[in-house]
Amino acid sequence: MKAFITVIGRDKVGIIAAVSTLLADMGVNIEDISQTILQGTFTMIMACDVSENTSFGELKQALTALGEKLGVEISVRHADIFNAMHRV
């Protein structure tokens, strides 16, 4: 399953490390990543391949909890949503 993960919040040390470690621990492969700092705000988008052994709900819950711990907003969306939007 393909998914897009976005991270937005105040820039600080360790955001990429924490998110990528959680994803690796859950069997999620980061296929593409883009990150930048816009006027002090950290923004990152990742295209990921989620292992069939990983529940989308569990992934979403874990990322939400990590975002709260880091003080950033993390969201995950199933790639099928984007694919369906572009077929219309």
C-alpha atoms as a PDB file:
ATOM      1  CA  MET A   1       0.000   0.000   0.000  1.00  0.00           C
ATOM      2  CA  LYS A   2       1.269   3.461  -0.887  1.00  0.00           C
ATOM      3  CA  ALA A   3       0.786   6.415   1.462  1.00  0.00           C
ATOM      4  CA  PHE A   4       1.722  10.085   1.711  1.00  0.00           C
ATOM      5  CA  ILE A   5       2.883  11.435   5.056  1.00  0.00           C
ATOM      6  CA  THR A   6       3.093  15.148   5.799  1.00  0.00           C
ATOM      7  CA  VAL A   7       4.824  16.817   8.730  1.00  0.00           C
ATOM      8  CA  ILE A   8       4.374  20.510   9.535  1.00  0.00           C
ATOM      9  CA  GLY A   9       5.508  22.463  12.567  1.00  0.00           C
ATOM     10  CA  ARG A  10       8.110  24.641  14.158  1.00  0.00           C
ATOM     11  CA  ASP A  11      11.596  23.562  13.098  1.00  0.00           C
ATOM     12  CA  LYS A  12      13.786  21.816  15.657  1.00  0.00           C
ATOM     13  CA  VAL A  13      16.478  19.154  15.798  1.00  0.00           C
ATOM     14  CA  GLY A  14      15.409  15.534  15.395  1.00  0.00           C
ATOM     15  CA  ILE A  15      12.121  15.675  13.485  1.00  0.00           C
ATOM     16  CA  ILE A  16      13.338  13.725  10.456  1.00  0.00           C
ATOM     17  CA  ALA A  17      15.204  11.225  12.647  1.00  0.00           C
ATOM     18  CA  ALA A  18      12.184  10.554  14.849  1.00  0.00           C
ATOM     19  CA  VAL A  19       9.736  10.139  11.972  1.00  0.00           C
ATOM     20  CA  SER A  20      12.040   7.976   9.859  1.00  0.00           C
ATOM     21  CA  THR A  21      12.913   5.769  12.858  1.00  0.00           C
ATOM     22  CA  LEU A  22       9.232   5.188  13.634  1.00  0.00           C
ATOM     23  CA  LEU A  23       8.530   4.348  10.001  1.00  0.00           C
ATOM     24  CA  ALA A  24      11.458   1.904   9.819  1.00  0.00           C
ATOM     25  CA  ASP A  25      10.329   0.242  13.049  1.00  0.00           C
ATOM     26  CA  MET A  26       6.862  -0.242  11.527  1.00  0.00           C
ATOM     27  CA  GLY A  27       8.167  -1.687   8.259  1.00  0.00           C
ATOM     28  CA  VAL A  28       7.436   1.398   6.160  1.00  0.00           C
ATOM     29  CA  ASN A  29       9.834   2.200   3.314  1.00  0.00           C
ATOM     30  CA  ILE A  30      10.347   5.878   2.447  1.00  0.00           C
ATOM     31  CA  GLU A  31      10.420   5.994  -1.360  1.00  0.00           C
ATOM     32  CA  ASP A  32      10.668   9.759  -1.819  1.00  0.00           C
ATOM     33  CA  ILE A  33      11.036  12.691   0.539  1.00  0.00           C
ATOM     34  CA  SER A  34      10.948  16.452   0.243  1.00  0.00           C
ATOM     35  CA  GLN A  35      11.535  18.817   3.128  1.00  0.00           C
ATOM     36  CA  THR A  36      12.137  22.495   3.538  1.00  0.00           C
ATOM     37  CA  ILE A  37      11.937  25.286   6.083  1.00  0.00           C
ATOM     38  CA  LEU A  38       9.467  28.035   5.175  1.00  0.00           C
ATOM     39  CA  GLN A  39       9.912  31.106   7.389  1.00  0.00           C
ATOM     40  CA  GLY A  40      10.867  28.939  10.372  1.00  0.00           C
ATOM     41  CA  THR A  41       8.200  26.315   9.732  1.00  0.00           C
ATOM     42  CA  PHE A  42       9.420  22.803   8.991  1.00  0.00           C
ATOM     43  CA  THR A  43       7.523  21.078   6.179  1.00  0.00           C
ATOM     44  CA  MET A  44       8.066  17.554   4.908  1.00  0.00           C
ATOM     45  CA  ILE A  45       6.220  15.258   2.516  1.00  0.00           C
ATOM     46  CA  MET A  46       7.091  11.579   2.155  1.00  0.00           C
ATOM     47  CA  ALA A  47       5.859   9.028  -0.357  1.00  0.00           C
ATOM     48  CA  CYS A  48       5.970   5.665   1.402  1.00  0.00           C
ATOM     49  CA  ASP A  49       5.380   1.989   0.779  1.00  0.00           C
ATOM     50  CA  VAL A  50       3.595   0.519   3.775  1.00  0.00           C
ATOM     51  CA  SER A  51       4.257  -3.146   4.484  1.00  0.00           C
ATOM     52  CA  GLU A  52       1.300  -5.481   4.238  1.00  0.00           C
ATOM     53  CA  ASN A  53       2.094  -6.424   7.837  1.00  0.00           C
ATOM     54  CA  THR A  54       1.428  -2.845   8.971  1.00  0.00           C
ATOM     55  CA  SER A  55      -2.099  -1.679   9.708  1.00  0.00           C
ATOM     56  CA  PHE A  56      -2.923   1.731   8.221  1.00  0.00           C
ATOM     57  CA  GLY A  57      -4.859   2.566  11.404  1.00  0.00           C
ATOM     58  CA  GLU A  58      -1.923   1.645  13.638  1.00  0.00           C
ATOM     59  CA  LEU A  59       0.431   3.691  11.480  1.00  0.00           C
ATOM     60  CA  LYS A  60      -1.867   6.707  11.629  1.00  0.00           C
ATOM     61  CA  GLN A  61      -2.227   6.393  15.409  1.00  0.00           C
ATOM     62  CA  ALA A  62       1.541   6.050  15.938  1.00  0.00           C
ATOM     63  CA  LEU A  63       2.313   9.063  13.734  1.00  0.00           C
ATOM     64  CA  THR A  64      -0.326  11.192  15.454  1.00  0.00           C
ATOM     65  CA  ALA A  65       1.150  10.319  18.858  1.00  0.00           C
ATOM     66  CA  LEU A  66       4.669  11.081  17.636  1.00  0.00           C
ATOM     67  CA  GLY A  67       3.507  14.422  16.252  1.00  0.00           C
ATOM     68  CA  GLU A  68       2.056  15.351  19.635  1.00  0.00           C
ATOM     69  CA  LYS A  69       5.321  14.381  21.328  1.00  0.00           C
ATOM     70  CA  LEU A  70       7.387  16.438  18.866  1.00  0.00           C
ATOM     71  CA  GLY A  71       4.987  19.381  18.769  1.00  0.00           C
ATOM     72  CA  VAL A  72       4.314  19.027  15.038  1.00  0.00           C
ATOM     73  CA  GLU A  73       1.312  17.960  12.972  1.00  0.00           C
ATOM     74  CA  ILE A  74       1.764  14.629  11.215  1.00  0.00           C
ATOM     75  CA  SER A  75      -0.855  13.247   8.854  1.00  0.00           C
ATOM     76  CA  VAL A  76      -0.956  10.152   6.683  1.00  0.00           C
ATOM     77  CA  ARG A  77      -3.158   9.629   3.643  1.00  0.00           C
ATOM     78  CA  HIS A  78      -3.669   6.534   1.567  1.00  0.00           C
ATOM     79  CA  ALA A  79      -2.371   7.096  -1.980  1.00  0.00           C
ATOM     80  CA  ASP A  80      -5.614   5.689  -3.425  1.00  0.00           C
ATOM     81  CA  ILE A  81      -7.354   8.911  -2.357  1.00  0.00           C
ATOM     82  CA  PHE A  82      -5.064  10.969  -4.614  1.00  0.00           C
ATOM     83  CA  ASN A  83      -5.291   8.472  -7.453  1.00  0.00           C
ATOM     84  CA  ALA A  84      -9.115   8.548  -7.321  1.00  0.00           C
ATOM     85  CA  MET A  85      -9.170  12.364  -7.374  1.00  0.00           C
ATOM     86  CA  HIS A  86      -7.174  12.440 -10.604  1.00  0.00           C
ATOM     87  CA  ARG A  87      -9.344   9.888 -12.386  1.00  0.00           C
ATOM     88  CA  VAL A  88     -12.454  12.052 -12.223  1.00  0.00           C
END
